[in-house]
């Protein structure tokens, strides 16, 4: 479908992006003023396409853990960086972070081919799996990235793409985080273990928590439920299907609360972690800029810090075995204590798992 506007009454670029996002079936992170991020645009040829990504790091040094962050439908890598504030937090924690662009006709309205969605990328059968494989390969070959510590996060259509990569290219990643999205390929395609963090609003009008068709979903494509999405990874990770549960109150006073479900395996206490944002919409909770028509964006959870914390728990951040030159010879370094932010999820106490969780709904 091509959107055309009369020349004498052409809407603003922001409005065009909003309309395009509605046609694609998902909302987007807008370019409203947020945290300024100095990103440089780079390109990588994959097949017949020149693909773009945004990155800050240019100088070759010690290989760093990598975070690849995938934007929503009708958005772009640079817009995601501004709307989430993820760059500053990730780099302070010792990560290199890149924001790839999906494909589309407008420079700031791209989509990802996550399987059954979305827009230009899905209609043109763009091989985004091959693109992200090539991107990881290039950054590793350039000496920028530690091949054993690559992480992936996505929101909305980008979250669907992150789930697809976890299913089809699990060997690339140590852990994956998904925000306001569900699995967009058949659950049976998930075969390899993968630690997964999932954050989702109970009142999401585009991708309903319980599945089906969202009231704001123009394409009227039914979606898988959050429970069905994480079940595939709970099984692949060999995690206990009965989670421990922790409730986070509404300290921000915005009418939302958070329920955290943690599914532990024998080798990973955080094999799968789900944050259900009760009263929350299609959003990046705690983000700088809300998603258009997405509903309430909770301020009771800092998504960017929660994602980094999850990746840290799965081998990311600074290596703990580095020598501390501030200690006297022969001293035993203590493991660093990470101070959690006030609005981050507290550590779960050791408790007997309840009989059911969202996967039993």
Protein backbone atom coordinates (compact mmCIF):
# COMPACT_ATOMS: atom_id res chain seq x y z
CA UNK A 1 0.00 0.00 0.00
CA UNK A 2 1.34 3.45 -0.92
CA UNK A 3 0.35 6.50 1.10
CA UNK A 4 -0.19 9.61 -1.04
CA UNK A 5 -1.05 13.12 0.14
CA UNK A 6 -2.20 16.09 -2.02
CA UNK A 7 0.66 18.53 -2.62
CA UNK A 8 -1.43 21.46 -1.40
CA UNK A 9 -2.24 19.73 1.88
CA UNK A 10 0.78 17.62 2.77
CA UNK A 11 0.85 16.71 6.49
CA UNK A 12 3.90 17.07 8.67
CA UNK A 13 6.60 14.39 8.63
CA UNK A 14 5.63 13.38 12.16
CA UNK A 15 2.02 12.84 11.07
CA UNK A 16 3.13 10.85 8.03
CA UNK A 17 5.15 8.59 10.33
CA UNK A 18 2.14 8.10 12.59
CA UNK A 19 -0.11 7.17 9.66
CA UNK A 20 2.49 4.77 8.30
CA UNK A 21 2.82 3.14 11.69
CA UNK A 22 -0.93 2.62 11.87
CA UNK A 23 -0.94 1.00 8.42
CA UNK A 24 1.92 -1.27 9.51
CA UNK A 25 -0.24 -2.29 12.46
CA UNK A 26 2.10 -1.14 15.23
CA UNK A 27 2.93 2.18 16.80
CA UNK A 28 6.36 3.81 16.90
CA UNK A 29 8.84 5.69 19.01
CA UNK A 30 8.67 9.29 17.84
CA UNK A 31 11.38 11.87 17.32
CA UNK A 32 10.09 14.27 19.92
CA UNK A 33 12.83 15.97 21.95
CA UNK A 34 14.58 13.45 24.15
CA UNK A 35 18.12 12.85 25.27
CA UNK A 36 20.57 13.98 22.62
CA UNK A 37 22.66 11.12 21.30
CA UNK A 38 25.61 11.67 19.00
CA UNK A 39 25.34 8.70 16.63
CA UNK A 40 27.13 8.16 13.34
CA UNK A 41 25.50 6.34 10.43
CA UNK A 42 27.34 3.40 8.91
CA UNK A 43 26.41 1.03 6.09
CA UNK A 44 26.87 -2.65 5.37
CA UNK A 45 26.02 -4.38 2.09
CA UNK A 46 24.01 -7.58 2.50
CA UNK A 47 23.02 -9.20 -0.77
CA UNK A 48 21.63 -6.47 -3.02
CA UNK A 49 20.83 -4.09 -0.19
CA UNK A 50 22.96 -1.46 1.53
CA UNK A 51 21.87 -1.73 5.16
CA UNK A 52 22.38 1.00 7.73
CA UNK A 53 23.10 1.09 11.43
CA UNK A 54 23.92 3.77 13.99
CA UNK A 55 26.89 3.49 16.32
CA UNK A 56 29.03 5.72 18.52
CA UNK A 57 32.22 3.70 18.77
CA UNK A 58 34.76 4.20 15.98
CA UNK A 59 38.16 3.42 17.51
CA UNK A 60 39.40 -0.16 17.66
CA UNK A 61 40.34 -1.10 21.20
CA UNK A 62 39.62 -3.99 23.51
CA UNK A 63 36.67 -6.01 22.21
CA UNK A 64 33.51 -5.09 24.14
CA UNK A 65 30.24 -6.88 24.83
CA UNK A 66 27.69 -5.79 22.22
CA UNK A 67 24.03 -4.80 22.44
CA UNK A 68 22.01 -4.64 19.22
CA UNK A 69 18.84 -2.58 19.73
CA UNK A 70 15.96 -2.95 17.26
CA UNK A 71 13.45 -0.13 16.78
CA UNK A 72 9.65 -0.32 16.47
CA UNK A 73 7.71 -0.36 13.21
CA UNK A 74 7.60 3.05 11.53
CA UNK A 75 10.70 4.25 13.35
CA UNK A 76 14.50 4.10 13.00
CA UNK A 77 17.61 3.31 14.99
CA UNK A 78 18.37 6.94 15.81
CA UNK A 79 14.79 7.57 16.98
CA UNK A 80 14.95 4.55 19.27
CA UNK A 81 18.18 5.81 20.80
CA UNK A 82 16.60 9.19 21.56
CA UNK A 83 13.34 7.78 22.89
CA UNK A 84 14.82 5.19 25.26
CA UNK A 85 18.01 6.79 26.60
CA UNK A 86 19.57 3.33 26.30
CA UNK A 87 22.91 4.48 24.84
CA UNK A 88 24.19 6.33 27.89
CA UNK A 89 23.23 3.52 30.27
CA UNK A 90 24.69 0.77 28.08
CA UNK A 91 27.98 2.52 27.46
CA UNK A 92 28.39 3.41 31.13
CA UNK A 93 28.01 -0.32 31.86
CA UNK A 94 30.81 -1.19 29.42
CA UNK A 95 28.85 -2.20 26.32
CA UNK A 96 29.15 -1.17 22.71
CA UNK A 97 25.63 -0.54 21.39
CA UNK A 98 24.40 -0.30 17.82
CA UNK A 99 20.98 0.63 16.43
CA UNK A 100 20.33 -0.97 13.02
CA UNK A 101 17.70 0.38 10.64
CA UNK A 102 14.97 -1.78 9.23
CA UNK A 103 13.82 -1.17 5.66
CA UNK A 104 11.12 1.04 4.15
CA UNK A 105 10.37 3.89 1.78
CA UNK A 106 10.80 6.68 4.35
CA UNK A 107 14.14 7.38 6.00
CA UNK A 108 12.62 7.47 9.48
CA UNK A 109 9.82 4.88 9.06
CA UNK A 110 11.45 1.47 8.81
CA UNK A 111 10.15 -2.02 9.61
CA UNK A 112 11.52 -5.52 10.29
CA UNK A 113 10.53 -8.83 8.71
CA UNK A 114 9.84 -10.67 11.94
CA UNK A 115 7.87 -13.47 10.29
CA UNK A 116 4.24 -12.43 9.92
CA UNK A 117 4.96 -8.71 10.40
CA UNK A 118 5.57 -5.92 9.41
CA UNK A 119 5.00 -3.46 6.55
CA UNK A 120 7.62 -3.01 3.83
CA UNK A 121 10.09 -5.56 5.23
CA UNK A 122 7.54 -8.34 5.47
CA UNK A 123 5.84 -7.56 2.14
CA UNK A 124 9.19 -7.53 0.31
CA UNK A 125 10.51 -10.59 2.18
CA UNK A 126 13.60 -8.73 3.36
CA UNK A 127 16.12 -11.13 4.91
CA UNK A 128 16.70 -9.35 8.20
CA UNK A 129 18.09 -12.51 9.78
CA UNK A 130 20.93 -12.41 7.25
CA UNK A 131 21.47 -8.69 7.91
CA UNK A 132 21.82 -9.10 11.67
CA UNK A 133 24.11 -12.11 11.19
CA UNK A 134 26.31 -10.02 8.89
CA UNK A 135 26.30 -7.09 11.30
CA UNK A 136 27.56 -9.22 14.18
CA UNK A 137 30.17 -10.77 11.89
CA UNK A 138 31.47 -7.37 10.77
CA UNK A 139 31.75 -5.90 14.25
CA UNK A 140 33.58 -9.01 15.47
CA UNK A 141 35.92 -8.99 12.44
CA UNK A 142 36.65 -5.29 13.04
CA UNK A 143 37.87 -6.14 16.54
CA UNK A 144 35.18 -4.08 18.26
CA UNK A 145 33.07 -6.86 19.74
CA UNK A 146 33.59 -9.87 22.00
CA UNK A 147 32.01 -12.67 19.96
CA UNK A 148 31.03 -14.55 23.10
CA UNK A 149 29.08 -11.64 24.56
CA UNK A 150 26.50 -10.40 22.06
CA UNK A 151 23.02 -9.35 23.26
CA UNK A 152 19.81 -8.33 21.50
CA UNK A 153 16.90 -6.11 22.55
CA UNK A 154 13.88 -4.97 20.57
CA UNK A 155 10.63 -3.09 21.06
CA UNK A 156 7.32 -3.75 19.27
CA UNK A 157 8.12 -4.97 15.72
CA UNK A 158 11.79 -4.87 16.76
CA UNK A 159 10.93 -7.12 19.71
CA UNK A 160 9.27 -9.55 17.33
CA UNK A 161 12.47 -9.51 15.27
CA UNK A 162 14.50 -10.17 18.42
CA UNK A 163 12.32 -13.21 19.13
CA UNK A 164 12.83 -14.43 15.55
CA UNK A 165 16.60 -14.16 15.94
CA UNK A 166 16.44 -16.05 19.24
CA UNK A 167 14.57 -18.83 17.44
CA UNK A 168 16.52 -18.94 14.17
CA UNK A 169 20.02 -17.75 15.13
CA UNK A 170 20.42 -18.58 18.84
CA UNK A 171 24.15 -19.25 18.48
CA UNK A 172 24.74 -15.50 18.01
CA UNK A 173 23.43 -14.29 21.35
CA UNK A 174 24.00 -14.72 25.08
CA UNK A 175 20.58 -13.29 26.00
CA UNK A 176 17.62 -11.51 24.41
CA UNK A 177 15.23 -8.85 25.77
CA UNK A 178 11.79 -8.12 24.28
CA UNK A 179 9.55 -5.13 25.03
CA UNK A 180 5.88 -4.88 23.96
CA UNK A 181 6.14 -7.74 21.45
CA UNK A 182 5.43 -11.44 21.03
CA UNK A 183 6.86 -14.35 19.10
CA UNK A 184 6.04 -13.87 15.40
CA UNK A 185 7.28 -17.25 14.16
CA UNK A 186 5.82 -20.65 15.16
CA UNK A 187 6.72 -21.56 18.77
CA UNK A 188 8.02 -24.94 17.60
CA UNK A 189 10.88 -23.17 15.81
CA UNK A 190 12.37 -22.42 19.25
CA UNK A 191 14.69 -25.35 19.93
CA UNK A 192 17.87 -23.98 21.55
CA UNK A 193 18.17 -22.51 25.05
CA UNK A 194 18.12 -18.71 25.29
CA UNK A 195 17.78 -16.49 28.39
CA UNK A 196 14.84 -14.15 27.74
CA UNK A 197 13.61 -10.98 29.41
CA UNK A 198 10.07 -9.92 28.41
CA UNK A 199 8.38 -6.64 29.42
CA UNK A 200 4.75 -6.11 28.42
CA UNK A 201 1.74 -3.99 29.41
CA UNK A 202 -1.47 -5.73 30.45
CA UNK A 203 -3.47 -3.09 28.51
CA UNK A 204 -1.41 -3.08 25.30
CA UNK A 205 -3.81 -1.92 22.54
CA UNK A 206 -1.61 -3.19 19.69
CA UNK A 207 -0.23 -6.52 20.93
CA UNK A 208 -2.60 -7.78 23.64
CA UNK A 209 -0.99 -9.46 26.64
CA UNK A 210 -3.43 -12.38 26.31
CA UNK A 211 -3.10 -12.57 22.53
CA UNK A 212 -5.64 -11.99 19.77
CA UNK A 213 -6.32 -8.74 17.93
CA UNK A 214 -5.56 -5.41 19.55
CA UNK A 215 -8.16 -2.66 19.44
CA UNK A 216 -5.63 -0.32 17.78
CA UNK A 217 -4.37 -2.99 15.37
CA UNK A 218 -5.39 -1.69 11.93
CA UNK A 219 -4.27 -4.83 10.08
CA UNK A 220 -6.46 -6.97 12.37
CA UNK A 221 -3.80 -9.68 12.54
CA UNK A 222 -4.19 -11.83 15.65
CA UNK A 223 -1.08 -12.12 17.82
CA UNK A 224 0.28 -14.89 19.99
CA UNK A 225 -0.09 -14.32 23.73
CA UNK A 226 2.81 -13.36 25.95
CA UNK A 227 2.40 -16.64 27.84
CA UNK A 228 2.66 -18.72 24.66
CA UNK A 229 5.71 -16.73 23.59
CA UNK A 230 7.70 -17.28 26.77
CA UNK A 231 6.54 -20.90 27.15
CA UNK A 232 8.66 -21.84 24.15
CA UNK A 233 11.80 -20.51 25.87
CA UNK A 234 10.88 -21.85 29.32
CA UNK A 235 10.78 -25.29 27.72
CA UNK A 236 13.97 -24.82 25.66
CA UNK A 237 15.83 -23.49 28.73
CA UNK A 238 14.66 -26.39 30.89
CA UNK A 239 13.26 -23.87 33.36
CA UNK A 240 10.73 -24.56 36.09
CA UNK A 241 7.29 -23.69 34.61
CA UNK A 242 6.18 -22.52 38.06
CA UNK A 243 7.72 -19.07 38.56
CA UNK A 244 8.57 -17.09 41.64
CA UNK A 245 6.52 -13.91 41.76
CA UNK A 246 7.37 -10.45 43.01
CA UNK A 247 5.08 -7.40 43.04
CA UNK A 248 6.41 -3.86 42.59
CA UNK A 249 4.02 -1.17 43.88
CA UNK A 250 3.01 2.09 42.22
CA UNK A 251 5.69 4.32 43.72
CA UNK A 252 5.47 6.69 40.72
CA UNK A 253 1.77 7.34 41.33
CA UNK A 254 0.81 6.77 37.68
CA UNK A 255 -1.78 4.04 38.24
CA UNK A 256 0.42 1.13 37.15
CA UNK A 257 2.03 -1.69 39.10
CA UNK A 258 4.54 -4.34 38.08
CA UNK A 259 4.35 -8.10 38.58
CA UNK A 260 7.63 -9.93 38.00
CA UNK A 261 7.64 -13.65 37.13
CA UNK A 262 11.02 -15.39 37.26
CA UNK A 263 11.47 -18.86 35.77
CA UNK A 264 14.68 -20.49 36.99
CA UNK A 265 16.56 -23.41 35.53
CA UNK A 266 19.19 -25.56 37.26
CA UNK A 267 21.97 -23.44 35.77
CA UNK A 268 20.32 -20.01 35.48
CA UNK A 269 18.24 -18.35 38.22
CA UNK A 270 16.96 -15.90 35.59
CA UNK A 271 16.43 -18.19 32.61
CA UNK A 272 13.20 -16.38 31.68
CA UNK A 273 11.98 -13.20 33.38
CA UNK A 274 8.63 -11.58 32.63
CA UNK A 275 7.53 -8.14 33.83
CA UNK A 276 3.78 -7.68 33.47
CA UNK A 277 3.04 -3.96 33.63
CA UNK A 278 -0.47 -3.90 35.07
CA UNK A 279 -2.35 -0.97 33.57
CA UNK A 280 0.48 -0.32 31.12
CA UNK A 281 0.12 -0.02 27.37
CA UNK A 282 2.28 -0.48 24.28
CA UNK A 283 5.36 1.22 25.67
CA UNK A 284 8.99 1.25 26.73
CA UNK A 285 8.33 1.78 30.46
CA UNK A 286 10.43 4.58 31.89
CA UNK A 287 11.33 5.80 28.40
CA UNK A 288 12.06 9.39 27.48
CA UNK A 289 9.35 9.55 24.80
CA UNK A 290 6.03 7.62 24.80
CA UNK A 291 4.74 5.56 21.88
CA UNK A 292 1.93 7.18 19.86
CA UNK A 293 -1.54 5.78 20.74
CA UNK A 294 0.17 3.15 22.89
CA UNK A 295 -1.63 3.86 26.15
CA UNK A 296 -0.01 4.40 29.52
CA UNK A 297 3.78 4.23 29.83
CA UNK A 298 4.60 3.16 33.38
CA UNK A 299 7.28 5.00 35.33
CA UNK A 300 7.48 2.25 37.93
CA UNK A 301 10.03 0.34 35.86
CA UNK A 302 13.16 1.65 34.16
CA UNK A 303 13.26 -0.60 31.11
CA UNK A 304 16.71 0.48 29.92
CA UNK A 305 18.33 -0.27 33.28
CA UNK A 306 16.36 -3.50 33.67
CA UNK A 307 17.59 -4.71 30.27
CA UNK A 308 21.22 -3.88 31.13
CA UNK A 309 20.88 -5.61 34.51
CA UNK A 310 19.54 -8.75 32.81
CA UNK A 311 22.40 -8.76 30.30
CA UNK A 312 24.89 -8.23 33.13
CA UNK A 313 23.45 -11.29 34.86
CA UNK A 314 24.24 -13.27 31.70
CA UNK A 315 27.89 -12.38 31.28
CA UNK A 316 27.71 -8.79 30.05
CA UNK A 317 29.37 -5.67 31.39
CA UNK A 318 32.97 -5.47 32.62
CA UNK A 319 34.70 -8.79 33.18
CA UNK A 320 34.95 -9.64 36.87
CA UNK A 321 38.34 -11.32 36.59
CA UNK A 322 40.23 -8.13 35.67
CA UNK A 323 43.04 -7.30 38.09
CA UNK A 324 42.42 -4.36 40.39
CA UNK A 325 45.60 -2.30 40.51
CA UNK A 326 44.28 -0.46 43.57
CA UNK A 327 44.68 -3.59 45.73
CA UNK A 328 47.96 -4.62 47.39
CA UNK A 329 49.88 -7.60 45.93
CA UNK A 330 48.36 -10.93 46.89
CA UNK A 331 44.97 -9.48 47.84
CA UNK A 332 41.80 -11.27 46.74
CA UNK A 333 39.49 -8.94 44.77
CA UNK A 334 35.92 -8.85 46.00
CA UNK A 335 33.08 -9.11 43.53
CA UNK A 336 31.73 -5.63 42.77
CA UNK A 337 28.44 -4.64 44.34
CA UNK A 338 26.02 -3.10 41.84
CA UNK A 339 23.69 -0.55 43.37
CA UNK A 340 20.27 -0.92 41.78
CA UNK A 341 18.38 2.30 40.92
CA UNK A 342 15.43 3.22 43.08
CA UNK A 343 12.85 2.24 40.45
CA UNK A 344 14.53 -0.97 39.33
CA UNK A 345 13.04 -4.32 40.20
CA UNK A 346 14.31 -5.66 43.54
CA UNK A 347 16.05 -9.02 43.68
CA UNK A 348 13.64 -11.87 44.22
CA UNK A 349 13.78 -13.57 47.61
CA UNK A 350 14.15 -17.31 47.78
CA UNK A 351 10.57 -18.51 47.92
CA UNK A 352 8.44 -21.48 47.11
CA UNK A 353 7.09 -21.00 43.56
CA UNK A 354 3.33 -20.54 43.33
CA UNK A 355 1.24 -23.13 41.57
CA UNK A 356 0.66 -21.04 38.48
CA UNK A 357 1.87 -18.04 36.51
CA UNK A 358 0.97 -16.24 33.31
CA UNK A 359 1.93 -19.31 31.30
CA UNK A 360 -0.96 -21.15 32.94
CA UNK A 361 -3.59 -18.62 31.88
